[in-house]
Amino acid sequence: MDDLNILIKKLFPYAYNILGNIDDSQDVIQDVLIKFNVKEVSTISNQNAYLIKSIINQSINLKKKKDRERQQKITLPCRLPQIKTA
């Protein structure tokens, strides 16, 4: 368990520097570690580099997704013209 906490502390700055959000950073780390746990890790020559690169890529993907969602929220609502009644 201590090794996991050390690993999370090592990976956290990479995610946080891209996302700027603690919760999103923790979610990215959790997702990457779950995928890594399922993967055949013996085929990965440098596991630390693999995890760091995975965190960076996942963080960039999440940031792009959040930016697109934010952009849609800004552009979706449009006002209808006021109809004047006599």
PDB file of N, CA and C in Angstrom:
ATOM      1  N   MET A   1       0.824  -1.201   0.000  1.00  0.00           N
ATOM      2  CA  MET A   1       0.000   0.000   0.000  1.00  0.00           C
ATOM      3  C   MET A   1       0.863   1.257   0.000  1.00  0.00           C
ATOM      4  N   ASP A   2       1.986   1.195   0.719  1.00  0.00           N
ATOM      5  CA  ASP A   2       2.884   2.343   0.734  1.00  0.00           C
ATOM      6  C   ASP A   2       3.456   2.611  -0.649  1.00  0.00           C
ATOM      7  N   ASP A   3       3.753   1.533  -1.383  1.00  0.00           N
ATOM      8  CA  ASP A   3       4.268   1.699  -2.740  1.00  0.00           C
ATOM      9  C   ASP A   3       3.247   2.395  -3.633  1.00  0.00           C
ATOM     10  N   LEU A   4       1.981   2.066  -3.448  1.00  0.00           N
ATOM     11  CA  LEU A   4       0.924   2.698  -4.238  1.00  0.00           C
ATOM     12  C   LEU A   4       0.832   4.185  -3.920  1.00  0.00           C
ATOM     13  N   ASN A   5       0.908   4.534  -2.654  1.00  0.00           N
ATOM     14  CA  ASN A   5       0.856   5.952  -2.274  1.00  0.00           C
ATOM     15  C   ASN A   5       2.048   6.724  -2.816  1.00  0.00           C
ATOM     16  N   ILE A   6       3.215   6.109  -2.790  1.00  0.00           N
ATOM     17  CA  ILE A   6       4.409   6.748  -3.354  1.00  0.00           C
ATOM     18  C   ILE A   6       4.233   6.960  -4.852  1.00  0.00           C
ATOM     19  N   LEU A   7       3.695   5.957  -5.523  1.00  0.00           N
ATOM     20  CA  LEU A   7       3.465   6.051  -6.965  1.00  0.00           C
ATOM     21  C   LEU A   7       2.450   7.146  -7.288  1.00  0.00           C
ATOM     22  N   ILE A   8       1.384   7.218  -6.528  1.00  0.00           N
ATOM     23  CA  ILE A   8       0.364   8.256  -6.745  1.00  0.00           C
ATOM     24  C   ILE A   8       0.960   9.640  -6.532  1.00  0.00           C
ATOM     25  N   LYS A   9       1.767   9.798  -5.480  1.00  0.00           N
ATOM     26  CA  LYS A   9       2.413  11.089  -5.226  1.00  0.00           C
ATOM     27  C   LYS A   9       3.382  11.461  -6.344  1.00  0.00           C
ATOM     28  N   LYS A  10       3.992  10.469  -6.955  1.00  0.00           N
ATOM     29  CA  LYS A  10       4.915  10.720  -8.052  1.00  0.00           C
ATOM     30  C   LYS A  10       4.166  11.127  -9.331  1.00  0.00           C
ATOM     31  N   LEU A  11       3.003  10.515  -9.566  1.00  0.00           N
ATOM     32  CA  LEU A  11       2.248  10.764 -10.796  1.00  0.00           C
ATOM     33  C   LEU A  11       1.361  12.005 -10.710  1.00  0.00           C
ATOM     34  N   PHE A  12       0.958  12.364  -9.513  1.00  0.00           N
ATOM     35  CA  PHE A  12      -0.006  13.449  -9.329  1.00  0.00           C
ATOM     36  C   PHE A  12       0.420  14.771  -9.982  1.00  0.00           C
ATOM     37  N   PRO A  13       1.659  15.224  -9.812  1.00  0.00           N
ATOM     38  CA  PRO A  13       2.028  16.522 -10.414  1.00  0.00           C
ATOM     39  C   PRO A  13       1.871  16.566 -11.936  1.00  0.00           C
ATOM     40  N   TYR A  14       2.087  15.447 -12.600  1.00  0.00           N
ATOM     41  CA  TYR A  14       1.943  15.424 -14.062  1.00  0.00           C
ATOM     42  C   TYR A  14       0.496  15.689 -14.459  1.00  0.00           C
ATOM     43  N   ALA A  15      -0.426  15.036 -13.783  1.00  0.00           N
ATOM     44  CA  ALA A  15      -1.844  15.229 -14.091  1.00  0.00           C
ATOM     45  C   ALA A  15      -2.302  16.624 -13.665  1.00  0.00           C
ATOM     46  N   TYR A  16      -1.906  17.046 -12.484  1.00  0.00           N
ATOM     47  CA  TYR A  16      -2.381  18.329 -11.958  1.00  0.00           C
ATOM     48  C   TYR A  16      -1.863  19.514 -12.778  1.00  0.00           C
ATOM     49  N   ASN A  17      -0.634  19.432 -13.253  1.00  0.00           N
ATOM     50  CA  ASN A  17      -0.089  20.529 -14.064  1.00  0.00           C
ATOM     51  C   ASN A  17      -0.857  20.710 -15.367  1.00  0.00           C
ATOM     52  N   ILE A  18      -1.433  19.661 -15.874  1.00  0.00           N
ATOM     53  CA  ILE A  18      -2.212  19.756 -17.106  1.00  0.00           C
ATOM     54  C   ILE A  18      -3.659  20.147 -16.802  1.00  0.00           C
ATOM     55  N   LEU A  19      -4.242  19.531 -15.790  1.00  0.00           N
ATOM     56  CA  LEU A  19      -5.669  19.705 -15.522  1.00  0.00           C
ATOM     57  C   LEU A  19      -5.969  20.865 -14.576  1.00  0.00           C
ATOM     58  N   GLY A  20      -5.105  21.106 -13.614  1.00  0.00           N
ATOM     59  CA  GLY A  20      -5.336  22.178 -12.651  1.00  0.00           C
ATOM     60  C   GLY A  20      -6.481  21.902 -11.699  1.00  0.00           C
ATOM     61  N   ASN A  21      -6.843  20.637 -11.548  1.00  0.00           N
ATOM     62  CA  ASN A  21      -7.960  20.262 -10.697  1.00  0.00           C
ATOM     63  C   ASN A  21      -7.602  18.977  -9.951  1.00  0.00           C
ATOM     64  N   ILE A  22      -7.715  19.008  -8.640  1.00  0.00           N
ATOM     65  CA  ILE A  22      -7.315  17.864  -7.826  1.00  0.00           C
ATOM     66  C   ILE A  22      -8.174  16.634  -8.121  1.00  0.00           C
ATOM     67  N   ASP A  23      -9.486  16.806  -8.159  1.00  0.00           N
ATOM     68  CA  ASP A  23     -10.384  15.662  -8.378  1.00  0.00           C
ATOM     69  C   ASP A  23     -10.163  15.014  -9.745  1.00  0.00           C
ATOM     70  N   ASP A  24     -10.053  15.833 -10.781  1.00  0.00           N
ATOM     71  CA  ASP A  24      -9.806  15.288 -12.119  1.00  0.00           C
ATOM     72  C   ASP A  24      -8.458  14.585 -12.176  1.00  0.00           C
ATOM     73  N   SER A  25      -7.464  15.140 -11.511  1.00  0.00           N
ATOM     74  CA  SER A  25      -6.133  14.527 -11.497  1.00  0.00           C
ATOM     75  C   SER A  25      -6.175  13.164 -10.826  1.00  0.00           C
ATOM     76  N   GLN A  26      -6.874  13.070  -9.716  1.00  0.00           N
ATOM     77  CA  GLN A  26      -6.996  11.789  -9.021  1.00  0.00           C
ATOM     78  C   GLN A  26      -7.769  10.775  -9.859  1.00  0.00           C
ATOM     79  N   ASP A  27      -8.791  11.234 -10.578  1.00  0.00           N
ATOM     80  CA  ASP A  27      -9.551  10.337 -11.454  1.00  0.00           C
ATOM     81  C   ASP A  27      -8.675   9.778 -12.573  1.00  0.00           C
ATOM     82  N   VAL A  28      -7.854  10.648 -13.171  1.00  0.00           N
ATOM     83  CA  VAL A  28      -6.968  10.212 -14.250  1.00  0.00           C
ATOM     84  C   VAL A  28      -5.979   9.177 -13.725  1.00  0.00           C
ATOM     85  N   ILE A  29      -5.396   9.443 -12.578  1.00  0.00           N
ATOM     86  CA  ILE A  29      -4.428   8.505 -12.000  1.00  0.00           C
ATOM     87  C   ILE A  29      -5.101   7.166 -11.724  1.00  0.00           C
ATOM     88  N   GLN A  30      -6.292   7.194 -11.170  1.00  0.00           N
ATOM     89  CA  GLN A  30      -7.016   5.959 -10.882  1.00  0.00           C
ATOM     90  C   GLN A  30      -7.296   5.178 -12.166  1.00  0.00           C
ATOM     91  N   ASP A  31      -7.772   5.865 -13.200  1.00  0.00           N
ATOM     92  CA  ASP A  31      -8.069   5.196 -14.472  1.00  0.00           C
ATOM     93  C   ASP A  31      -6.821   4.551 -15.068  1.00  0.00           C
ATOM     94  N   VAL A  32      -5.716   5.290 -15.066  1.00  0.00           N
ATOM     95  CA  VAL A  32      -4.479   4.772 -15.650  1.00  0.00           C
ATOM     96  C   VAL A  32      -3.958   3.576 -14.852  1.00  0.00           C
ATOM     97  N   LEU A  33      -4.012   3.655 -13.532  1.00  0.00           N
ATOM     98  CA  LEU A  33      -3.521   2.551 -12.715  1.00  0.00           C
ATOM     99  C   LEU A  33      -4.385   1.300 -12.871  1.00  0.00           C
ATOM    100  N   ILE A  34      -5.687   1.477 -13.033  1.00  0.00           N
ATOM    101  CA  ILE A  34      -6.566   0.322 -13.263  1.00  0.00           C
ATOM    102  C   ILE A  34      -6.226  -0.338 -14.598  1.00  0.00           C
ATOM    103  N   LYS A  35      -6.062   0.466 -15.646  1.00  0.00           N
ATOM    104  CA  LYS A  35      -5.700  -0.083 -16.960  1.00  0.00           C
ATOM    105  C   LYS A  35      -4.326  -0.756 -16.908  1.00  0.00           C
ATOM    106  N   PHE A  36      -3.399  -0.129 -16.185  1.00  0.00           N
ATOM    107  CA  PHE A  36      -2.050  -0.673 -16.054  1.00  0.00           C
ATOM    108  C   PHE A  36      -2.065  -2.007 -15.315  1.00  0.00           C
ATOM    109  N   ASN A  37      -2.917  -2.124 -14.325  1.00  0.00           N
ATOM    110  CA  ASN A  37      -3.015  -3.346 -13.534  1.00  0.00           C
ATOM    111  C   ASN A  37      -3.525  -4.519 -14.367  1.00  0.00           C
ATOM    112  N   VAL A  38      -4.385  -4.229 -15.336  1.00  0.00           N
ATOM    113  CA  VAL A  38      -4.951  -5.267 -16.196  1.00  0.00           C
ATOM    114  C   VAL A  38      -3.956  -5.654 -17.299  1.00  0.00           C
ATOM    115  N   LYS A  39      -3.114  -4.715 -17.685  1.00  0.00           N
ATOM    116  CA  LYS A  39      -2.177  -4.912 -18.791  1.00  0.00           C
ATOM    117  C   LYS A  39      -1.085  -5.919 -18.418  1.00  0.00           C
ATOM    118  N   GLU A  40      -0.538  -6.554 -19.408  1.00  0.00           N
ATOM    119  CA  GLU A  40       0.591  -7.468 -19.224  1.00  0.00           C
ATOM    120  C   GLU A  40       1.847  -6.618 -19.022  1.00  0.00           C
ATOM    121  N   VAL A  41       2.182  -6.346 -17.756  1.00  0.00           N
ATOM    122  CA  VAL A  41       3.254  -5.403 -17.439  1.00  0.00           C
ATOM    123  C   VAL A  41       4.640  -5.944 -17.731  1.00  0.00           C
ATOM    124  N   SER A  42       4.774  -7.230 -17.891  1.00  0.00           N
ATOM    125  CA  SER A  42       6.099  -7.800 -18.174  1.00  0.00           C
ATOM    126  C   SER A  42       6.610  -7.392 -19.553  1.00  0.00           C
ATOM    127  N   THR A  43       5.701  -6.988 -20.434  1.00  0.00           N
ATOM    128  CA  THR A  43       6.113  -6.571 -21.774  1.00  0.00           C
ATOM    129  C   THR A  43       6.565  -5.115 -21.815  1.00  0.00           C
ATOM    130  N   ILE A  44       6.380  -4.381 -20.725  1.00  0.00           N
ATOM    131  CA  ILE A  44       6.751  -2.965 -20.671  1.00  0.00           C
ATOM    132  C   ILE A  44       8.154  -2.864 -20.082  1.00  0.00           C
ATOM    133  N   SER A  45       9.072  -2.310 -20.868  1.00  0.00           N
ATOM    134  CA  SER A  45      10.461  -2.267 -20.412  1.00  0.00           C
ATOM    135  C   SER A  45      10.688  -1.209 -19.327  1.00  0.00           C
ATOM    136  N   ASN A  46      10.057  -0.051 -19.450  1.00  0.00           N
ATOM    137  CA  ASN A  46      10.224   1.012 -18.450  1.00  0.00           C
ATOM    138  C   ASN A  46       8.837   1.399 -17.926  1.00  0.00           C
ATOM    139  N   GLN A  47       8.457   0.799 -16.832  1.00  0.00           N
ATOM    140  CA  GLN A  47       7.102   0.979 -16.309  1.00  0.00           C
ATOM    141  C   GLN A  47       6.847   2.392 -15.814  1.00  0.00           C
ATOM    142  N   ASN A  48       7.846   3.027 -15.212  1.00  0.00           N
ATOM    143  CA  ASN A  48       7.667   4.408 -14.744  1.00  0.00           C
ATOM    144  C   ASN A  48       7.408   5.349 -15.905  1.00  0.00           C
ATOM    145  N   ALA A  49       8.201   5.227 -16.954  1.00  0.00           N
ATOM    146  CA  ALA A  49       8.014   6.085 -18.128  1.00  0.00           C
ATOM    147  C   ALA A  49       6.650   5.819 -18.772  1.00  0.00           C
ATOM    148  N   TYR A  50       6.254   4.553 -18.810  1.00  0.00           N
ATOM    149  CA  TYR A  50       4.958   4.183 -19.367  1.00  0.00           C
ATOM    150  C   TYR A  50       3.820   4.842 -18.594  1.00  0.00           C
ATOM    151  N   LEU A  51       3.895   4.766 -17.263  1.00  0.00           N
ATOM    152  CA  LEU A  51       2.845   5.363 -16.427  1.00  0.00           C
ATOM    153  C   LEU A  51       2.815   6.881 -16.570  1.00  0.00           C
ATOM    154  N   ILE A  52       3.963   7.517 -16.570  1.00  0.00           N
ATOM    155  CA  ILE A  52       4.010   8.981 -16.703  1.00  0.00           C
ATOM    156  C   ILE A  52       3.424   9.404 -18.041  1.00  0.00           C
ATOM    157  N   LYS A  53       3.825   8.737 -19.109  1.00  0.00           N
ATOM    158  CA  LYS A  53       3.305   9.070 -20.438  1.00  0.00           C
ATOM    159  C   LYS A  53       1.797   8.811 -20.510  1.00  0.00           C
ATOM    160  N   SER A  54       1.341   7.744 -19.888  1.00  0.00           N
ATOM    161  CA  SER A  54      -0.095   7.446 -19.867  1.00  0.00           C
ATOM    162  C   SER A  54      -0.865   8.528 -19.112  1.00  0.00           C
ATOM    163  N   ILE A  55      -0.329   8.972 -17.981  1.00  0.00           N
ATOM    164  CA  ILE A  55      -0.964  10.035 -17.198  1.00  0.00           C
ATOM    165  C   ILE A  55      -1.035  11.314 -18.014  1.00  0.00           C
ATOM    166  N   ILE A  56       0.055  11.656 -18.672  1.00  0.00           N
ATOM    167  CA  ILE A  56       0.079  12.884 -19.488  1.00  0.00           C
ATOM    168  C   ILE A  56      -0.954  12.794 -20.600  1.00  0.00           C
ATOM    169  N   ASN A  57      -0.971  11.680 -21.334  1.00  0.00           N
ATOM    170  CA  ASN A  57      -1.918  11.528 -22.451  1.00  0.00           C
ATOM    171  C   ASN A  57      -3.366  11.551 -21.973  1.00  0.00           C
ATOM    172  N   GLN A  58      -3.653  10.827 -20.901  1.00  0.00           N
ATOM    173  CA  GLN A  58      -5.016  10.785 -20.368  1.00  0.00           C
ATOM    174  C   GLN A  58      -5.450  12.167 -19.872  1.00  0.00           C
ATOM    175  N   SER A  59      -4.526  12.895 -19.267  1.00  0.00           N
ATOM    176  CA  SER A  59      -4.835  14.237 -18.770  1.00  0.00           C
ATOM    177  C   SER A  59      -5.131  15.191 -19.923  1.00  0.00           C
ATOM    178  N   ILE A  60      -4.337  15.109 -20.977  1.00  0.00           N
ATOM    179  CA  ILE A  60      -4.569  15.953 -22.153  1.00  0.00           C
ATOM    180  C   ILE A  60      -5.928  15.629 -22.764  1.00  0.00           C
ATOM    181  N   ASN A  61      -6.250  14.337 -22.876  1.00  0.00           N
ATOM    182  CA  ASN A  61      -7.548  13.937 -23.435  1.00  0.00           C
ATOM    183  C   ASN A  61      -8.703  14.468 -22.596  1.00  0.00           C
ATOM    184  N   LEU A  62      -8.584  14.360 -21.271  1.00  0.00           N
ATOM    185  CA  LEU A  62      -9.646  14.852 -20.395  1.00  0.00           C
ATOM    186  C   LEU A  62      -9.775  16.369 -20.491  1.00  0.00           C
ATOM    187  N   LYS A  63      -8.656  17.064 -20.555  1.00  0.00           N
ATOM    188  CA  LYS A  63      -8.688  18.530 -20.667  1.00  0.00           C
ATOM    189  C   LYS A  63      -9.381  18.952 -21.961  1.00  0.00           C
ATOM    190  N   LYS A  64      -9.060  18.294 -23.063  1.00  0.00           N
ATOM    191  CA  LYS A  64      -9.715  18.602 -24.336  1.00  0.00           C
ATOM    192  C   LYS A  64     -11.216  18.344 -24.257  1.00  0.00           C
ATOM    193  N   LYS A  65     -11.596  17.235 -23.624  1.00  0.00           N
ATOM    194  CA  LYS A  65     -13.011  16.907 -23.477  1.00  0.00           C
ATOM    195  C   LYS A  65     -13.740  17.967 -22.653  1.00  0.00           C
ATOM    196  N   LYS A  66     -13.139  18.363 -21.531  1.00  0.00           N
ATOM    197  CA  LYS A  66     -13.751  19.384 -20.673  1.00  0.00           C
ATOM    198  C   LYS A  66     -13.840  20.718 -21.403  1.00  0.00           C
ATOM    199  N   ASP A  67     -12.815  21.060 -22.180  1.00  0.00           N
ATOM    200  CA  ASP A  67     -12.841  22.304 -22.950  1.00  0.00           C
ATOM    201  C   ASP A  67     -13.953  22.294 -23.994  1.00  0.00           C
ATOM    202  N   ARG A  68     -14.137  21.141 -24.661  1.00  0.00           N
ATOM    203  CA  ARG A  68     -15.222  21.029 -25.649  1.00  0.00           C
ATOM    204  C   ARG A  68     -16.575  21.165 -24.979  1.00  0.00           C
ATOM    205  N   GLU A  69     -16.741  20.518 -23.823  1.00  0.00           N
ATOM    206  CA  GLU A  69     -18.015  20.613 -23.102  1.00  0.00           C
ATOM    207  C   GLU A  69     -18.284  22.045 -22.657  1.00  0.00           C
ATOM    208  N   ARG A  70     -17.257  22.714 -22.179  1.00  0.00           N
ATOM    209  CA  ARG A  70     -17.409  24.096 -21.740  1.00  0.00           C
ATOM    210  C   ARG A  70     -17.752  25.002 -22.924  1.00  0.00           C
ATOM    211  N   GLN A  71     -17.133  24.745 -24.058  1.00  0.00           N
ATOM    212  CA  GLN A  71     -17.399  25.535 -25.253  1.00  0.00           C
ATOM    213  C   GLN A  71     -18.843  25.337 -25.721  1.00  0.00           C
ATOM    214  N   GLN A  72     -19.349  24.110 -25.638  1.00  0.00           N
ATOM    215  CA  GLN A  72     -20.727  23.844 -26.041  1.00  0.00           C
ATOM    216  C   GLN A  72     -21.710  24.537 -25.119  1.00  0.00           C
ATOM    217  N   LYS A  73     -21.407  24.578 -23.840  1.00  0.00           N
ATOM    218  CA  LYS A  73     -22.284  25.268 -22.900  1.00  0.00           C
ATOM    219  C   LYS A  73     -22.337  26.755 -23.192  1.00  0.00           C
ATOM    220  N   ILE A  74     -21.246  27.296 -23.660  1.00  0.00           N
ATOM    221  CA  ILE A  74     -21.200  28.724 -23.966  1.00  0.00           C
ATOM    222  C   ILE A  74     -21.964  29.032 -25.243  1.00  0.00           C
ATOM    223  N   THR A  75     -21.858  28.188 -26.261  1.00  0.00           N
ATOM    224  CA  THR A  75     -22.449  28.492 -27.551  1.00  0.00           C
ATOM    225  C   THR A  75     -23.870  27.969 -27.721  1.00  0.00           C
ATOM    226  N   LEU A  76     -24.312  27.009 -26.933  1.00  0.00           N
ATOM    227  CA  LEU A  76     -25.640  26.437 -27.125  1.00  0.00           C
ATOM    228  C   LEU A  76     -26.783  27.402 -26.834  1.00  0.00           C
ATOM    229  N   PRO A  77     -26.791  28.046 -25.686  1.00  0.00           N
ATOM    230  CA  PRO A  77     -27.953  28.890 -25.424  1.00  0.00           C
ATOM    231  C   PRO A  77     -27.963  30.118 -26.337  1.00  0.00           C
ATOM    232  N   CYS A  78     -29.038  30.266 -27.087  1.00  0.00           N
ATOM    233  CA  CYS A  78     -29.170  31.453 -27.916  1.00  0.00           C
ATOM    234  C   CYS A  78     -30.529  32.090 -27.621  1.00  0.00           C
ATOM    235  N   ARG A  79     -30.541  33.365 -27.657  1.00  0.00           N
ATOM    236  CA  ARG A  79     -31.781  34.083 -27.368  1.00  0.00           C
ATOM    237  C   ARG A  79     -32.634  34.225 -28.621  1.00  0.00           C
ATOM    238  N   LEU A  80     -33.904  34.076 -28.411  1.00  0.00           N
ATOM    239  CA  LEU A  80     -34.839  34.310 -29.501  1.00  0.00           C
ATOM    240  C   LEU A  80     -35.180  35.795 -29.514  1.00  0.00           C
ATOM    241  N   PRO A  81     -35.430  36.319 -30.686  1.00  0.00           N
ATOM    242  CA  PRO A  81     -35.772  37.749 -30.732  1.00  0.00           C
ATOM    243  C   PRO A  81     -37.084  38.026 -30.014  1.00  0.00           C
ATOM    244  N   GLN A  82     -37.160  39.171 -29.398  1.00  0.00           N
ATOM    245  CA  GLN A  82     -38.374  39.588 -28.710  1.00  0.00           C
ATOM    246  C   GLN A  82     -39.462  39.909 -29.712  1.00  0.00           C
ATOM    247  N   ILE A  83     -40.645  39.378 -29.475  1.00  0.00           N
ATOM    248  CA  ILE A  83     -41.785  39.663 -30.344  1.00  0.00           C
ATOM    249  C   ILE A  83     -42.618  40.740 -29.683  1.00  0.00           C
ATOM    250  N   LYS A  84     -42.791  41.816 -30.411  1.00  0.00           N
ATOM    251  CA  LYS A  84     -43.588  42.918 -29.868  1.00  0.00           C
ATOM    252  C   LYS A  84     -45.044  42.692 -30.205  1.00  0.00           C
ATOM    253  N   THR A  85     -45.870  42.825 -29.209  1.00  0.00           N
ATOM    254  CA  THR A  85     -47.312  42.689 -29.432  1.00  0.00           C
ATOM    255  C   THR A  85     -47.968  44.051 -29.224  1.00  0.00           C
ATOM    256  N   ALA A  86     -48.975  44.298 -29.991  1.00  0.00           N
ATOM    257  CA  ALA A  86     -49.655  45.587 -29.916  1.00  0.00           C
ATOM    258  C   ALA A  86     -50.685  45.666 -28.858  1.00  0.00           C
TER     259      ALA A  86
END
